[in-house]
Amino acid sequence: MLHFELHEFDSPDEKGSGKHMHDPFLQMLDDARGIAGIPFKINSGFRSESHNSYVGGKVNSSHLFGYAADIHCTDSRSRYIIIDALTQAGFNRFGIGNTFIHVDSDRDKNPRVSWVY
């Protein structure tokens, strides 16, 4: 990876847990970061079951399996740039929140969807 370090994906309660991230997901995310040309601050990557429960994540959250990340984003222009880059990199699952963009590559879930929080 050129733009990220694994510790950025650690669950807050489990140091070193970023190693559980799925390698193809990280490569696609790194590609998207290169396309976007702006920093991606990772709010959430891998989550332990206890942390996922603490933040109100779904029982089958893609974060639990290393297939998801939440990228910090608070303005419309950056949101567009990030989503466009993620799409160019091959992602097709997006959740849009006020302060983040969720992206995942979980093949066990419906492709080509977007939602709001």
Protein backbone atom coordinates (compact mmCIF):
# COMPACT_ATOMS: atom_id res chain seq x y z
CA MET A 1 0.00 0.00 0.00
CA LEU A 2 1.22 3.43 -0.84
CA HIS A 3 -1.32 5.68 0.85
CA PHE A 4 -2.27 3.79 4.02
CA GLU A 5 -0.72 2.01 6.97
CA LEU A 6 -2.45 -1.00 8.51
CA HIS A 7 -2.76 0.63 11.93
CA GLU A 8 -5.22 3.13 10.39
CA PHE A 9 -7.67 0.20 10.12
CA ASP A 10 -7.28 -1.06 13.71
CA SER A 11 -10.36 -1.52 15.85
CA PRO A 12 -9.90 0.98 18.72
CA ASP A 13 -10.04 -1.83 21.26
CA GLU A 14 -7.65 -4.20 19.47
CA LYS A 15 -4.23 -2.86 18.55
CA GLY A 16 -2.83 -4.48 15.41
CA SER A 17 -6.24 -5.68 14.22
CA GLY A 18 -5.85 -3.82 10.92
CA LYS A 19 -4.04 -6.97 9.79
CA HIS A 20 -7.49 -8.57 9.47
CA MET A 21 -8.41 -6.31 6.57
CA HIS A 22 -8.96 -8.13 3.28
CA ASP A 23 -5.98 -7.48 0.98
CA PRO A 24 -7.96 -6.98 -2.28
CA PHE A 25 -10.20 -4.46 -0.46
CA LEU A 26 -7.14 -2.51 0.71
CA GLN A 27 -5.64 -2.53 -2.78
CA MET A 28 -8.86 -1.17 -4.29
CA LEU A 29 -9.05 1.48 -1.56
CA ASP A 30 -5.44 2.44 -2.17
CA ASP A 31 -6.17 2.70 -5.91
CA ALA A 32 -9.15 4.95 -5.15
CA ARG A 33 -7.01 7.19 -2.95
CA GLY A 34 -4.53 7.58 -5.80
CA ILE A 35 -7.33 8.43 -8.24
CA ALA A 36 -8.92 10.95 -5.87
CA GLY A 37 -5.72 12.85 -5.22
CA ILE A 38 -6.94 13.87 -1.75
CA PRO A 39 -6.26 12.24 1.63
CA PHE A 40 -8.61 9.56 2.95
CA LYS A 41 -8.85 9.62 6.75
CA ILE A 42 -10.16 6.26 7.96
CA ASN A 43 -12.74 6.62 10.73
CA SER A 44 -13.41 2.90 10.96
CA GLY A 45 -11.84 -0.15 9.34
CA PHE A 46 -11.76 -3.55 11.00
CA ARG A 47 -14.04 -3.82 14.04
CA SER A 48 -13.92 -6.34 16.83
CA GLU A 49 -17.33 -7.75 17.75
CA SER A 50 -17.35 -5.75 20.98
CA HIS A 51 -16.49 -2.47 19.25
CA ASN A 52 -19.02 -3.14 16.50
CA SER A 53 -21.67 -3.65 19.16
CA TYR A 54 -20.53 -0.50 21.01
CA VAL A 55 -20.95 1.67 17.89
CA GLY A 56 -24.30 0.10 16.99
CA GLY A 57 -23.00 -1.77 13.93
CA LYS A 58 -25.08 -4.49 12.31
CA VAL A 59 -24.53 -8.07 13.44
CA ASN A 60 -23.24 -9.01 9.96
CA SER A 61 -21.28 -5.78 9.41
CA SER A 62 -18.67 -5.99 6.67
CA HIS A 63 -16.30 -4.25 9.13
CA LEU A 64 -16.17 -7.49 11.16
CA PHE A 65 -14.62 -9.33 8.23
CA GLY A 66 -12.24 -6.67 6.92
CA TYR A 67 -14.32 -5.78 3.86
CA ALA A 68 -15.30 -2.22 4.84
CA ALA A 69 -14.05 1.21 5.79
CA ASP A 70 -15.64 4.50 6.77
CA ILE A 71 -13.83 7.47 5.24
CA HIS A 72 -14.08 10.84 6.97
CA CYS A 73 -15.86 13.39 4.81
CA THR A 74 -17.84 16.51 5.72
CA ASP A 75 -18.21 18.54 2.52
CA SER A 76 -20.04 17.94 -0.75
CA ARG A 77 -17.09 18.47 -3.09
CA SER A 78 -14.86 15.97 -1.28
CA ARG A 79 -17.78 13.55 -1.07
CA TYR A 80 -18.16 13.64 -4.84
CA ILE A 81 -14.41 13.24 -5.45
CA ILE A 82 -14.18 10.29 -3.04
CA ILE A 83 -17.25 8.46 -4.38
CA ASP A 84 -16.14 9.01 -7.98
CA ALA A 85 -12.67 7.63 -7.20
CA LEU A 86 -14.12 4.66 -5.30
CA THR A 87 -16.36 3.87 -8.26
CA GLN A 88 -13.45 4.11 -10.71
CA ALA A 89 -11.49 1.73 -8.47
CA GLY A 90 -14.30 -0.84 -8.71
CA PHE A 91 -16.41 -0.33 -5.60
CA ASN A 92 -20.20 -0.38 -5.89
CA ARG A 93 -21.50 -0.33 -2.30
CA PHE A 94 -21.69 3.04 -0.52
CA GLY A 95 -23.31 4.38 2.63
CA ILE A 96 -23.43 8.16 3.00
CA GLY A 97 -23.42 9.77 6.43
CA ASN A 98 -23.05 13.40 7.49
CA THR A 99 -19.40 12.92 8.43
CA PHE A 100 -18.30 9.80 6.54
CA ILE A 101 -18.64 7.57 3.50
CA HIS A 102 -18.94 3.85 4.12
CA VAL A 103 -17.51 1.65 1.37
CA ASP A 104 -17.32 -2.11 1.26
CA SER A 105 -16.59 -4.97 -1.09
CA ASP A 106 -18.56 -7.67 0.71
CA ARG A 107 -19.51 -10.25 -1.93
CA ASP A 108 -22.14 -11.74 0.40
CA LYS A 109 -24.21 -8.55 0.09
CA ASN A 110 -26.13 -6.98 -2.77
CA PRO A 111 -23.92 -5.11 -5.25
CA ARG A 112 -24.63 -1.70 -6.77
CA VAL A 113 -26.36 -0.11 -3.81
CA SER A 114 -26.10 3.11 -1.90
CA TRP A 115 -27.85 4.25 1.24
CA VAL A 116 -27.90 7.09 3.72
CA TYR A 117 -27.52 7.03 7.48
